[in-house]
N, C-alpha and C. Protein backbone atom coordinates (compact mmCIF):
# COMPACT_ATOMS: atom_id res chain seq x y z
N UNK A 1 131.37 -28.65 106.65
CA UNK A 1 131.04 -30.14 106.56
C UNK A 1 130.55 -30.56 104.93
N UNK A 2 131.25 -31.85 105.01
CA UNK A 2 130.49 -32.30 103.61
C UNK A 2 129.11 -34.00 103.89
N UNK A 3 128.22 -33.51 103.60
CA UNK A 3 127.13 -34.14 103.31
C UNK A 3 126.79 -34.84 102.37
N UNK A 4 126.40 -36.58 102.82
CA UNK A 4 126.04 -37.07 101.38
C UNK A 4 124.59 -37.50 101.71
N UNK A 5 123.72 -36.91 100.79
CA UNK A 5 121.96 -36.99 101.06
C UNK A 5 121.56 -37.81 99.96
N UNK A 6 120.12 -38.43 100.60
CA UNK A 6 119.46 -38.87 99.29
C UNK A 6 118.71 -37.93 98.45
N UNK A 7 118.74 -37.41 97.42
CA UNK A 7 117.82 -36.55 96.88
C UNK A 7 116.58 -36.88 95.87
N UNK A 8 116.79 -38.50 95.72
CA UNK A 8 115.87 -39.03 94.75
C UNK A 8 115.49 -40.69 95.52
N UNK A 9 114.31 -40.46 96.18
CA UNK A 9 114.06 -42.26 96.46
C UNK A 9 113.29 -43.02 95.73
N UNK A 10 113.15 -42.59 94.69
CA UNK A 10 112.42 -43.80 93.65
C UNK A 10 113.48 -43.88 92.50
N UNK A 11 114.99 -44.03 92.87
CA UNK A 11 115.60 -44.40 91.71
C UNK A 11 116.76 -45.78 92.25
N UNK A 12 117.45 -46.61 91.84
CA UNK A 12 118.17 -47.76 92.37
C UNK A 12 119.41 -46.61 93.38
N UNK A 13 119.87 -47.13 94.40
CA UNK A 13 120.30 -46.93 95.45
C UNK A 13 121.36 -45.75 95.32
N UNK A 14 122.42 -46.15 94.29
CA UNK A 14 123.52 -45.45 94.12
C UNK A 14 123.10 -43.80 93.15
N UNK A 15 122.25 -43.84 92.36
CA UNK A 15 122.12 -43.28 91.51
C UNK A 15 120.75 -41.90 92.25
N UNK A 16 120.45 -41.94 93.12
CA UNK A 16 120.01 -40.65 94.00
C UNK A 16 120.87 -40.15 95.09
N UNK A 17 122.14 -40.04 95.24
CA UNK A 17 122.34 -39.11 96.46
C UNK A 17 123.09 -37.83 95.85
N UNK A 18 123.24 -37.23 96.68
CA UNK A 18 123.70 -35.62 96.11
C UNK A 18 124.86 -35.20 97.42
N UNK A 19 125.45 -34.51 96.88
CA UNK A 19 126.48 -33.58 97.88
C UNK A 19 126.23 -32.65 98.16
N UNK A 20 126.66 -32.19 99.67
CA UNK A 20 126.31 -30.87 99.68
C UNK A 20 128.07 -30.41 100.83
N UNK A 21 127.82 -29.04 100.85
CA UNK A 21 128.93 -28.37 101.41
C UNK A 21 127.95 -27.69 102.73
N UNK A 22 128.04 -28.12 103.95
CA UNK A 22 127.16 -27.50 104.63
C UNK A 22 127.84 -26.22 106.09
N UNK A 23 127.20 -25.34 106.17
CA UNK A 23 128.25 -24.49 107.46
C UNK A 23 128.11 -25.34 108.10
N UNK A 24 128.95 -25.40 108.86
CA UNK A 24 129.19 -25.77 110.41
C UNK A 24 128.32 -25.28 111.72
N UNK A 25 128.55 -24.08 111.13
CA UNK A 25 127.42 -23.51 112.11
C UNK A 25 126.05 -22.55 112.15
N UNK A 26 125.57 -23.69 110.89
CA UNK A 26 124.31 -23.82 110.89
C UNK A 26 123.16 -23.82 112.29
N UNK A 27 122.32 -23.68 112.21
CA UNK A 27 121.30 -24.01 113.27
C UNK A 27 120.95 -25.15 113.31
N UNK A 28 121.43 -25.92 113.94
CA UNK A 28 120.77 -27.14 114.45
C UNK A 28 121.90 -28.40 114.15
N UNK A 29 122.54 -27.44 114.40
CA UNK A 29 124.28 -28.42 113.67
C UNK A 29 124.66 -29.13 114.99
N UNK A 30 125.05 -29.99 115.15
CA UNK A 30 125.71 -30.54 116.48
C UNK A 30 127.24 -31.53 116.58
N UNK A 31 128.12 -30.71 116.84
CA UNK A 31 129.40 -31.76 116.74
C UNK A 31 130.09 -32.08 117.74
N UNK A 32 129.80 -33.57 118.18
CA UNK A 32 130.59 -33.88 119.25
C UNK A 32 131.93 -34.57 119.00
N UNK A 33 133.07 -34.26 119.64
CA UNK A 33 134.32 -34.75 119.19
C UNK A 33 134.75 -35.90 120.03
N UNK A 34 135.25 -36.68 118.91
CA UNK A 34 135.50 -38.10 119.28
C UNK A 34 136.96 -38.71 119.34
N UNK A 35 137.89 -38.88 120.48
CA UNK A 35 139.60 -38.39 120.57
C UNK A 35 140.03 -40.18 120.21
N UNK A 36 140.70 -40.28 119.10
CA UNK A 36 140.93 -41.87 118.62
C UNK A 36 142.27 -42.38 119.41
N UNK A 37 142.07 -44.09 119.37
CA UNK A 37 143.31 -44.26 120.05
C UNK A 37 144.46 -44.24 119.29
N UNK A 38 144.56 -43.69 118.04
CA UNK A 38 145.97 -43.04 117.45
C UNK A 38 146.08 -41.94 117.84
N UNK A 39 145.40 -40.82 118.35
CA UNK A 39 145.20 -39.75 118.93
C UNK A 39 145.16 -38.54 117.86
N UNK A 40 144.28 -39.22 117.56
CA UNK A 40 143.64 -38.30 116.20
C UNK A 40 142.14 -37.68 116.50
N UNK A 41 141.67 -36.80 115.84
CA UNK A 41 140.09 -36.74 116.20
C UNK A 41 139.36 -36.61 115.30
N UNK A 42 138.11 -37.31 115.55
CA UNK A 42 137.39 -37.63 114.62
C UNK A 42 135.68 -36.62 115.07
N UNK A 43 134.67 -36.89 114.58
CA UNK A 43 133.53 -36.28 115.15
C UNK A 43 132.25 -37.12 114.55
N UNK A 44 131.32 -36.98 115.87
CA UNK A 44 129.85 -37.65 115.95
C UNK A 44 129.52 -36.19 115.10
N UNK A 45 128.15 -35.99 114.05
CA UNK A 45 127.85 -34.99 113.76
C UNK A 45 126.05 -35.19 113.04
N UNK A 46 125.56 -34.11 114.29
CA UNK A 46 124.04 -34.53 114.29
C UNK A 46 122.97 -33.52 113.73
N UNK A 47 122.41 -33.77 112.74
CA UNK A 47 121.61 -32.90 112.17
C UNK A 47 120.07 -33.09 112.57
N UNK A 48 119.79 -31.58 113.03
CA UNK A 48 118.23 -31.74 113.66
C UNK A 48 117.51 -30.29 113.28
N UNK A 49 116.75 -30.55 112.38
CA UNK A 49 116.12 -29.49 111.30
C UNK A 49 117.04 -28.63 111.09
N UNK A 50 117.87 -29.27 110.10
CA UNK A 50 118.65 -27.89 109.67
C UNK A 50 118.29 -27.59 108.05
N UNK A 51 118.53 -26.44 107.83
CA UNK A 51 117.79 -26.18 106.29
C UNK A 51 119.29 -25.94 105.53
N UNK A 52 119.46 -26.50 104.29
CA UNK A 52 120.57 -26.51 103.98
C UNK A 52 119.99 -25.99 102.42
N UNK A 53 120.28 -24.49 102.39
CA UNK A 53 119.94 -23.71 100.46
C UNK A 53 120.68 -24.92 99.20
N UNK A 54 119.82 -24.98 98.52
CA UNK A 54 120.32 -25.54 97.23
C UNK A 54 121.70 -25.01 96.43
N UNK A 55 121.82 -23.86 97.36
CA UNK A 55 123.30 -23.22 96.45
C UNK A 55 124.45 -23.71 97.06
N UNK A 56 124.41 -24.76 98.28
CA UNK A 56 125.25 -25.67 98.68
C UNK A 56 125.36 -26.64 97.87
N UNK A 57 124.99 -27.16 97.21
CA UNK A 57 125.05 -28.24 96.27
C UNK A 57 125.95 -28.39 95.49
N UNK A 58 126.81 -29.53 95.81
CA UNK A 58 128.34 -29.73 94.88
C UNK A 58 127.62 -30.68 93.43
N UNK A 59 128.30 -29.78 92.65
CA UNK A 59 128.30 -30.79 91.43
C UNK A 59 127.06 -30.36 90.91
N UNK A 60 126.52 -31.98 89.87
CA UNK A 60 125.16 -32.14 89.68
C UNK A 60 124.50 -32.81 90.74
N UNK A 61 123.12 -33.03 90.36
CA UNK A 61 121.77 -33.22 91.40
C UNK A 61 122.11 -34.75 90.89
N UNK A 62 121.77 -35.93 92.22
CA UNK A 62 121.97 -37.20 92.19
C UNK A 62 123.27 -37.39 91.73
N UNK A 63 124.61 -36.99 91.34
CA UNK A 63 125.62 -37.39 91.26
C UNK A 63 126.44 -37.42 92.18
N UNK A 64 126.09 -37.36 93.24
CA UNK A 64 127.13 -37.62 94.69
C UNK A 64 127.78 -39.02 94.88
N UNK A 65 127.11 -40.12 94.60
CA UNK A 65 128.09 -41.04 94.42
C UNK A 65 129.32 -41.38 93.79
N UNK A 66 129.30 -41.20 92.85
CA UNK A 66 129.88 -41.08 91.99
C UNK A 66 131.35 -39.87 91.99
N UNK A 67 131.05 -39.16 92.59
CA UNK A 67 132.11 -38.07 93.08
C UNK A 67 132.70 -38.92 94.26
N UNK A 68 131.66 -38.96 95.24
CA UNK A 68 132.34 -39.71 96.24
C UNK A 68 133.33 -41.01 96.04
N UNK A 69 132.70 -41.95 95.04
CA UNK A 69 133.77 -43.03 94.49
C UNK A 69 135.18 -42.71 93.74
N UNK A 70 135.07 -41.59 92.59
CA UNK A 70 136.73 -40.78 92.52
C UNK A 70 137.58 -40.69 93.52
N UNK A 71 136.74 -40.13 94.64
CA UNK A 71 137.72 -39.15 95.64
C UNK A 71 138.14 -40.57 96.18
N UNK A 72 137.39 -41.47 96.61
CA UNK A 72 137.75 -42.48 97.13
C UNK A 72 139.19 -43.21 96.46
N UNK A 73 139.02 -43.49 95.66
CA UNK A 73 140.26 -44.02 94.45
C UNK A 73 141.61 -42.68 95.01
N UNK A 74 141.47 -42.01 94.85
CA UNK A 74 142.75 -41.03 95.10
C UNK A 74 142.91 -40.73 96.79
N UNK A 75 142.23 -40.97 97.36
CA UNK A 75 142.28 -41.44 98.67
C UNK A 75 143.02 -42.77 99.29
N UNK A 76 142.68 -43.86 98.82
CA UNK A 76 143.18 -44.86 98.65
C UNK A 76 144.61 -44.89 98.69
N UNK A 77 144.74 -44.27 96.98
CA UNK A 77 146.10 -44.15 96.55
C UNK A 77 147.32 -43.37 97.87
N UNK A 78 146.95 -42.55 98.53
CA UNK A 78 147.62 -41.71 98.68
C UNK A 78 147.85 -42.36 100.75
N UNK A 79 146.47 -42.59 101.20
CA UNK A 79 146.45 -43.03 102.27
C UNK A 79 147.76 -43.36 102.48
N UNK A 80 148.57 -44.76 102.22
CA UNK A 80 149.78 -44.99 102.91
C UNK A 80 150.74 -45.47 102.04
N UNK A 81 151.58 -44.38 101.95
CA UNK A 81 152.16 -44.30 100.98
C UNK A 81 153.85 -45.40 101.38
N UNK A 82 154.41 -46.31 101.13
CA UNK A 82 155.22 -46.84 101.23
C UNK A 82 156.32 -46.48 101.48
N UNK A 83 156.41 -45.31 100.94
CA UNK A 83 158.04 -44.60 101.31
C UNK A 83 157.91 -44.26 102.82
N UNK A 84 156.97 -43.76 103.37
CA UNK A 84 156.44 -43.55 105.22
C UNK A 84 157.24 -44.66 106.30
N UNK A 85 156.91 -45.61 105.82
CA UNK A 85 157.80 -46.70 106.34
C UNK A 85 159.27 -46.99 106.51
N UNK A 86 159.75 -46.28 105.38
CA UNK A 86 161.21 -46.80 105.32
C UNK A 86 162.17 -46.19 106.43
N UNK A 87 161.89 -44.70 107.23
CA UNK A 87 162.46 -44.37 108.32
C UNK A 87 162.41 -45.20 108.94
N UNK A 88 161.05 -45.28 110.01
CA UNK A 88 161.32 -46.07 110.80
C UNK A 88 161.61 -47.68 110.61
N UNK A 89 161.48 -48.28 109.73
CA UNK A 89 162.40 -49.37 108.79
C UNK A 89 163.87 -49.63 109.54
N UNK A 90 164.31 -47.82 109.11
CA UNK A 90 165.60 -48.69 108.87
C UNK A 90 166.33 -47.80 110.28
N UNK A 91 165.42 -47.14 111.04
CA UNK A 91 165.87 -47.30 112.62
C UNK A 91 165.60 -48.67 113.47
N UNK A 92 164.50 -49.21 112.87
CA UNK A 92 164.35 -50.70 113.74
C UNK A 92 165.85 -51.45 113.51
N UNK A 93 166.36 -51.44 112.10
CA UNK A 93 167.25 -52.18 111.47
C UNK A 93 168.76 -51.64 112.56
N UNK A 94 168.62 -50.51 112.47
CA UNK A 94 169.86 -49.87 113.22
C UNK A 94 169.93 -50.46 114.73
N UNK A 95 168.40 -50.32 115.23
CA UNK A 95 168.12 -51.19 116.64
C UNK A 95 168.46 -52.35 116.93
N UNK A 96 168.25 -53.30 116.09
CA UNK A 96 168.61 -54.67 116.01
C UNK A 96 170.71 -54.87 116.01
N UNK A 97 171.05 -54.29 115.39
CA UNK A 97 172.35 -53.93 115.03
C UNK A 97 172.86 -53.52 116.88
N UNK A 98 172.34 -52.79 117.35
CA UNK A 98 173.05 -52.51 118.75
C UNK A 98 172.28 -52.77 119.92
N UNK A 99 171.16 -53.79 119.71
CA UNK A 99 170.41 -54.45 121.18
C UNK A 99 170.86 -55.67 121.45
N UNK A 100 171.74 -55.86 122.58
CA UNK A 100 171.72 -57.26 122.78
C UNK A 100 170.53 -57.93 123.65
N UNK A 101 170.38 -59.09 123.45
CA UNK A 101 169.58 -60.51 123.94
C UNK A 101 169.99 -61.47 124.35
N UNK A 102 170.44 -62.01 125.22
CA UNK A 102 170.63 -63.52 125.48
C UNK A 102 172.08 -63.50 125.27
N UNK A 103 172.90 -62.67 125.22
CA UNK A 103 174.17 -62.26 125.12
C UNK A 103 174.24 -62.00 123.58
N UNK A 104 173.73 -62.03 123.03
CA UNK A 104 173.88 -62.10 121.70
C UNK A 104 172.65 -60.66 120.82
N UNK A 105 173.33 -60.18 119.48
CA UNK A 105 172.86 -58.77 118.74
C UNK A 105 171.48 -59.16 118.68
N UNK A 106 170.64 -58.86 118.46
CA UNK A 106 169.45 -58.89 118.11
C UNK A 106 169.18 -59.30 116.36
N UNK A 107 170.31 -58.59 115.45
CA UNK A 107 170.35 -59.07 114.02
C UNK A 107 171.09 -60.06 113.90
N UNK A 108 171.81 -60.87 115.09
CA UNK A 108 171.74 -62.12 114.69
C UNK A 108 170.88 -63.32 114.84
N UNK A 109 169.94 -62.78 115.39
CA UNK A 109 168.30 -63.85 115.80
C UNK A 109 168.22 -63.94 114.16
N UNK A 110 168.13 -65.46 114.23
CA UNK A 110 167.31 -66.37 112.69
C UNK A 110 165.90 -65.43 112.63
N UNK A 111 164.89 -65.56 113.38
CA UNK A 111 163.60 -65.16 113.27
C UNK A 111 163.53 -63.30 112.99
N UNK A 112 164.65 -62.70 113.54
CA UNK A 112 164.53 -61.32 113.71
C UNK A 112 164.58 -61.01 112.26
N UNK A 113 165.78 -61.57 111.93
CA UNK A 113 166.02 -61.78 110.13
C UNK A 113 165.11 -61.88 109.15
N UNK A 114 164.36 -62.88 109.56
CA UNK A 114 163.38 -63.11 109.13
C UNK A 114 161.92 -62.27 109.25
N UNK A 115 162.30 -61.63 110.26
CA UNK A 115 160.90 -60.77 109.96
C UNK A 115 161.63 -59.03 109.11
N UNK A 116 162.55 -58.89 109.33
CA UNK A 116 163.30 -57.57 108.72
C UNK A 116 163.30 -58.02 106.98
N UNK A 117 163.46 -59.24 106.39
CA UNK A 117 163.32 -59.36 105.42
C UNK A 117 162.06 -59.41 104.94
N UNK A 118 161.11 -59.74 105.76
CA UNK A 118 159.88 -59.82 104.98
C UNK A 118 158.89 -58.16 104.95
N UNK A 119 159.77 -57.42 106.19
CA UNK A 119 159.06 -55.78 105.98
C UNK A 119 159.83 -55.44 104.97
N UNK A 120 161.24 -55.42 104.54
CA UNK A 120 161.48 -55.03 103.39
C UNK A 120 161.02 -55.58 102.32
N UNK A 121 160.50 -56.76 101.96
CA UNK A 121 160.07 -57.24 100.33
C UNK A 121 158.53 -56.53 100.57
N UNK A 122 157.79 -56.14 101.69
CA UNK A 122 156.64 -55.75 101.56
C UNK A 122 156.60 -54.53 100.91
N UNK A 123 157.62 -53.50 101.94
CA UNK A 123 157.63 -52.48 101.61
C UNK A 123 157.55 -52.10 100.21
N UNK A 124 158.61 -52.72 99.52
CA UNK A 124 159.11 -53.02 98.03
C UNK A 124 157.40 -53.47 96.83
N UNK A 125 156.82 -54.21 97.47
CA UNK A 125 155.57 -54.58 96.97
C UNK A 125 154.75 -53.66 96.80
N UNK A 126 154.55 -52.60 98.26
CA UNK A 126 153.73 -51.73 98.22
C UNK A 126 153.87 -50.29 97.46
N UNK A 127 155.40 -50.31 97.03
CA UNK A 127 156.03 -49.36 96.63
C UNK A 127 155.80 -49.83 94.65
N UNK A 128 155.96 -50.69 94.45
CA UNK A 128 155.28 -51.29 92.90
C UNK A 128 154.11 -50.92 93.05
N UNK A 129 153.05 -51.77 93.69
CA UNK A 129 151.58 -51.43 93.48
C UNK A 129 151.16 -49.59 93.59
N UNK A 130 151.93 -48.50 93.99
CA UNK A 130 151.95 -47.18 94.06
C UNK A 130 152.46 -46.66 92.58
N UNK A 131 153.38 -47.12 92.03
CA UNK A 131 154.17 -46.87 90.81
C UNK A 131 152.83 -47.03 89.97
N UNK A 132 152.36 -48.13 89.77
CA UNK A 132 151.58 -48.64 89.02
C UNK A 132 150.57 -48.02 88.94
N UNK A 133 149.51 -47.47 89.65
CA UNK A 133 148.36 -46.74 90.10
C UNK A 133 148.96 -45.60 89.27
N UNK A 134 150.58 -44.85 90.24
CA UNK A 134 150.66 -43.57 89.41
C UNK A 134 150.68 -43.74 87.87
N UNK A 135 151.34 -44.37 87.49
CA UNK A 135 151.85 -44.93 85.89
C UNK A 135 150.37 -44.26 84.95
N UNK A 136 149.27 -45.21 85.49
CA UNK A 136 147.86 -45.11 84.81
C UNK A 136 147.47 -43.61 85.56
N UNK A 137 147.30 -43.52 86.38
CA UNK A 137 147.62 -41.58 86.31
C UNK A 137 147.78 -40.41 85.40
N UNK A 138 149.22 -41.06 85.60
CA UNK A 138 149.69 -40.34 84.46
C UNK A 138 149.59 -40.30 82.92
N UNK A 139 148.82 -41.34 82.39
CA UNK A 139 148.85 -41.82 81.04
C UNK A 139 147.39 -41.16 81.01
N UNK A 140 146.30 -40.74 82.58
CA UNK A 140 145.11 -40.05 81.79
C UNK A 140 144.11 -41.56 82.07
N UNK A 141 144.92 -42.40 82.52
CA UNK A 141 143.48 -43.55 83.03
C UNK A 141 142.84 -43.41 84.27
N UNK A 142 141.77 -43.45 84.33
CA UNK A 142 141.14 -43.48 85.71
C UNK A 142 140.99 -44.99 86.38
N UNK A 143 141.28 -44.21 87.93
CA UNK A 143 141.87 -45.32 89.12
C UNK A 143 140.67 -46.32 88.90
N UNK A 144 140.73 -47.61 89.21
CA UNK A 144 139.60 -48.33 89.34
C UNK A 144 139.86 -49.43 90.64
N UNK A 145 139.86 -50.62 90.61
CA UNK A 145 140.65 -51.37 91.67
C UNK A 145 141.57 -51.09 91.44
N UNK A 146 142.59 -50.88 91.31
CA UNK A 146 144.38 -50.58 91.22
C UNK A 146 144.04 -49.95 92.92
N UNK A 147 143.99 -48.66 93.01
CA UNK A 147 143.93 -48.04 94.27
C UNK A 147 143.52 -48.92 95.69
N UNK A 148 142.18 -49.50 95.29
CA UNK A 148 141.31 -50.74 96.29
C UNK A 148 142.54 -51.89 96.54
N UNK A 149 142.84 -52.38 95.72
CA UNK A 149 144.44 -53.43 95.71
C UNK A 149 145.37 -52.46 96.54
N UNK A 150 145.85 -51.53 95.98
CA UNK A 150 146.96 -51.22 97.19
C UNK A 150 146.61 -50.45 98.38
N UNK A 151 145.46 -49.82 98.75
CA UNK A 151 144.86 -49.66 99.80
C UNK A 151 144.75 -51.31 100.94
N UNK A 152 144.10 -52.13 100.43
CA UNK A 152 144.16 -53.32 100.76
C UNK A 152 145.76 -54.03 101.45
N UNK A 153 146.79 -54.15 100.39
CA UNK A 153 147.84 -54.45 101.11
C UNK A 153 148.53 -53.37 101.97
N UNK A 154 148.17 -52.23 100.96
CA UNK A 154 149.72 -51.56 101.95
C UNK A 154 149.11 -51.21 103.87
N UNK A 155 147.80 -51.16 103.92
CA UNK A 155 146.71 -50.93 105.08
C UNK A 155 147.40 -52.40 105.83
N UNK A 156 146.89 -53.33 105.37
CA UNK A 156 147.46 -54.54 106.57
C UNK A 156 148.72 -54.67 106.46
N UNK A 157 149.45 -54.39 105.25
CA UNK A 157 150.94 -54.48 105.52
C UNK A 157 151.76 -53.36 107.07
N UNK A 158 150.96 -52.67 107.21
CA UNK A 158 151.54 -51.37 107.99
C UNK A 158 151.04 -52.17 109.55
N UNK A 159 150.06 -52.95 109.42
CA UNK A 159 149.83 -53.80 110.81
C UNK A 159 150.68 -55.29 111.28
N UNK A 160 151.15 -55.70 109.98
CA UNK A 160 152.39 -56.60 109.88
C UNK A 160 153.20 -55.92 110.51
N UNK A 161 153.72 -54.84 109.59
CA UNK A 161 155.03 -54.32 110.41
C UNK A 161 155.07 -53.64 111.82
N UNK A 162 153.63 -53.46 112.42
CA UNK A 162 153.92 -53.53 113.78
C UNK A 162 153.79 -54.70 114.56
N UNK A 163 153.04 -55.50 114.25
CA UNK A 163 153.24 -56.68 114.96
C UNK A 163 154.84 -57.23 114.76
N UNK A 164 155.27 -57.32 114.07
CA UNK A 164 156.76 -57.82 113.46
C UNK A 164 157.77 -56.81 114.47
N UNK A 165 157.76 -55.54 114.32
CA UNK A 165 158.39 -54.98 115.21
C UNK A 165 158.55 -55.09 116.61
N UNK A 166 157.12 -54.91 117.04
CA UNK A 166 156.79 -56.07 118.69
C UNK A 166 157.17 -57.15 119.01
N UNK A 167 157.32 -57.83 118.06
CA UNK A 167 157.76 -58.96 118.19
C UNK A 167 159.09 -59.26 118.49
N UNK A 168 159.83 -58.18 117.54
CA UNK A 168 161.62 -58.14 117.93
C UNK A 168 161.89 -57.51 119.07
N UNK A 169 161.10 -56.52 119.65
CA UNK A 169 161.36 -55.68 120.30
C UNK A 169 161.01 -55.97 121.90
N UNK A 170 160.21 -56.74 121.83
CA UNK A 170 159.84 -57.57 122.91
C UNK A 170 159.21 -56.44 124.04
N UNK A 171 158.59 -56.54 125.11
CA UNK A 171 157.71 -55.77 125.83
C UNK A 171 158.12 -54.11 126.12
N UNK A 172 159.19 -54.17 125.67
CA UNK A 172 159.77 -52.60 125.40
C UNK A 172 159.30 -51.65 124.28
N UNK A 173 158.89 -52.72 123.25
CA UNK A 173 158.51 -51.93 122.15
C UNK A 173 157.27 -51.14 122.43
N UNK A 174 156.42 -51.61 123.76
CA UNK A 174 155.03 -51.19 123.95
C UNK A 174 155.32 -49.99 124.51
N UNK A 175 156.43 -49.47 125.08
CA UNK A 175 156.66 -47.97 125.54
C UNK A 175 156.32 -46.84 125.05
N UNK A 176 155.83 -45.96 125.61
CA UNK A 176 155.07 -44.66 124.84
C UNK A 176 156.23 -43.80 124.84
N UNK A 177 156.17 -43.17 124.06
CA UNK A 177 157.40 -41.76 123.64
C UNK A 177 158.16 -41.13 124.72
N UNK A 178 157.14 -40.75 125.80
CA UNK A 178 157.15 -40.41 127.20
C UNK A 178 157.57 -41.15 128.53
N UNK A 179 157.94 -42.27 128.34
CA UNK A 179 158.17 -43.54 129.27
C UNK A 179 159.92 -43.31 129.00
N UNK A 180 160.64 -43.36 130.36
CA UNK A 180 161.98 -43.26 130.31
C UNK A 180 162.60 -44.30 129.47
N UNK A 181 163.57 -44.64 128.69
CA UNK A 181 164.35 -45.40 128.06
C UNK A 181 163.40 -46.16 127.14
N UNK A 182 162.36 -45.55 126.49
CA UNK A 182 161.75 -46.04 125.57
C UNK A 182 162.19 -46.13 124.38
N UNK A 183 162.59 -47.59 123.86
CA UNK A 183 163.44 -47.47 122.67
C UNK A 183 162.50 -47.06 121.21
N UNK A 184 163.57 -46.56 120.56
CA UNK A 184 162.95 -45.62 119.38
C UNK A 184 162.04 -44.58 119.26
N UNK A 185 162.13 -44.02 120.88
CA UNK A 185 161.04 -42.77 121.36
C UNK A 185 159.98 -43.23 121.35
N UNK A 186 159.64 -44.46 121.40
CA UNK A 186 158.09 -44.76 121.35
C UNK A 186 157.05 -45.00 120.63
N UNK A 187 158.61 -44.93 119.12
CA UNK A 187 157.65 -44.77 117.44
C UNK A 187 156.64 -46.08 117.32
N UNK A 188 157.37 -47.46 117.93
CA UNK A 188 156.69 -48.25 117.58
C UNK A 188 154.73 -48.58 118.61
N UNK A 189 155.21 -47.93 119.33
CA UNK A 189 153.92 -48.31 120.09
C UNK A 189 153.35 -47.51 119.69
N UNK A 190 153.25 -45.66 119.15
CA UNK A 190 152.34 -44.81 118.76
C UNK A 190 151.87 -45.79 117.27
N UNK A 191 152.74 -46.35 116.62
CA UNK A 191 152.07 -46.97 115.33
C UNK A 191 151.51 -47.97 115.44
N UNK A 192 151.38 -48.93 116.61
CA UNK A 192 150.64 -49.83 116.90
C UNK A 192 149.15 -49.41 117.33
N UNK A 193 148.82 -48.14 117.93
CA UNK A 193 147.79 -47.68 118.62
C UNK A 193 147.16 -47.14 116.82
N UNK A 194 147.89 -46.55 116.36
CA UNK A 194 147.36 -45.53 114.89
C UNK A 194 147.04 -46.59 113.73
N UNK A 195 147.70 -47.72 113.75
CA UNK A 195 147.44 -48.51 112.71
C UNK A 195 146.22 -49.93 112.82
N UNK A 196 145.55 -49.46 113.97
CA UNK A 196 144.02 -50.21 113.83
C UNK A 196 143.18 -49.75 113.21
N UNK A 197 143.11 -48.83 112.69
CA UNK A 197 142.13 -47.97 112.12
C UNK A 197 142.38 -47.89 111.04
N UNK A 198 143.58 -48.59 110.29
CA UNK A 198 144.07 -48.70 108.90
C UNK A 198 143.15 -49.58 108.09
N UNK A 199 142.83 -50.28 108.39
CA UNK A 199 142.10 -51.78 107.51
C UNK A 199 140.35 -51.23 107.78
N UNK A 200 140.24 -50.01 108.08
CA UNK A 200 139.22 -49.66 107.83
C UNK A 200 138.76 -48.12 107.21
N UNK A 201 139.35 -47.29 107.63
CA UNK A 201 139.16 -45.88 107.29
C UNK A 201 139.40 -46.08 105.97
N UNK A 202 138.85 -45.31 104.97
CA UNK A 202 138.99 -45.66 103.49
C UNK A 202 138.27 -46.53 102.65
N UNK A 203 137.58 -47.13 103.45
CA UNK A 203 136.61 -48.51 102.64
C UNK A 203 137.44 -49.76 104.01
N UNK A 204 136.78 -50.83 104.20
CA UNK A 204 137.35 -51.75 105.09
C UNK A 204 138.17 -52.98 103.96
N UNK A 205 138.62 -53.85 104.61
CA UNK A 205 139.35 -55.01 103.65
C UNK A 205 138.53 -55.74 103.29
N UNK A 206 137.37 -55.91 103.97
CA UNK A 206 136.37 -56.57 103.52
C UNK A 206 135.72 -56.14 102.23
N UNK A 207 135.37 -55.41 102.12
CA UNK A 207 134.99 -54.25 101.11
C UNK A 207 135.62 -54.08 99.47
N UNK A 208 137.19 -53.84 100.25
CA UNK A 208 137.89 -54.00 99.11
C UNK A 208 138.26 -54.89 98.59
N UNK A 209 138.38 -56.24 99.25
CA UNK A 209 138.71 -57.37 98.47
C UNK A 209 137.59 -58.00 97.70
N UNK A 210 136.10 -57.21 97.96
CA UNK A 210 135.08 -57.43 96.94
C UNK A 210 135.13 -56.72 95.68
N UNK A 211 135.78 -55.64 95.80
CA UNK A 211 136.35 -54.37 94.74
C UNK A 211 137.22 -55.27 93.92
N UNK A 212 138.07 -56.05 94.32
CA UNK A 212 138.93 -56.66 93.60
C UNK A 212 138.59 -57.39 92.89
N UNK A 213 137.99 -58.26 93.83
CA UNK A 213 137.87 -59.50 92.80
C UNK A 213 136.56 -58.99 91.85
N UNK A 214 135.37 -57.96 92.01
CA UNK A 214 134.62 -57.82 91.25
C UNK A 214 135.39 -56.95 89.94
N UNK A 215 136.02 -56.17 90.11
CA UNK A 215 136.04 -55.11 89.15
C UNK A 215 137.24 -55.52 88.59
N UNK A 216 138.53 -56.11 89.82
CA UNK A 216 140.20 -56.31 89.01
C UNK A 216 139.94 -57.85 88.12
N UNK A 217 139.33 -58.55 88.81
CA UNK A 217 139.07 -60.14 88.38
C UNK A 217 138.13 -60.36 87.54
N UNK A 218 136.75 -59.64 87.60
CA UNK A 218 135.76 -60.28 86.72
C UNK A 218 134.81 -61.39 87.37
N UNK A 219 135.19 -61.40 88.51
CA UNK A 219 134.42 -62.23 88.95
C UNK A 219 132.96 -62.37 89.54
N UNK A 220 131.64 -62.82 90.00
CA UNK A 220 130.23 -62.37 90.12
C UNK A 220 130.58 -62.08 91.60
N UNK A 221 129.46 -60.95 91.72
CA UNK A 221 129.17 -60.29 92.93
C UNK A 221 128.79 -61.67 93.89
């Protein structure tokens, strides 16, 4: 279990944090599982008088914040790869070409076409942001606000994707995969549940906007 702790209370906030890898079987650790709306598991972890040997220190003492910041940059880059939305987008397009509503194919509805065009555009934008970030890494440059900008856009994009898909499909889009006749095997309903966390995990959208503004645009805090 990764643990970030304050190891020097006498220095400014970010400078006195260290990282440890703690044995989850250590005496005093209690793990309480939490099942999420998206069908995944997270945990509450409680430490009661747990003793952690200094051999469990990761890297340098009081350097933990900088390790976490660097790791978050990579995490934000990898969390929402736009290519993952391409297959469900293609399936949704096929659905509109084969589904009738009010005597007409969904794909002939101007609002549906507008939604699909917006989806396709935003997927391309996310891919461009990814390409830019990977190009920086390939040249040996560290990630800064670029991964924050990508995560900010891509996480809200997936939520917009789901909202648009549900608008296109109507109430049927809320049917889960086990429901008989669920369109696209309940894929959109599952995405709707899973996407709730998108703008929270790995840094909330509010925090990322601040990072993009200060580090990317040079604006004051």
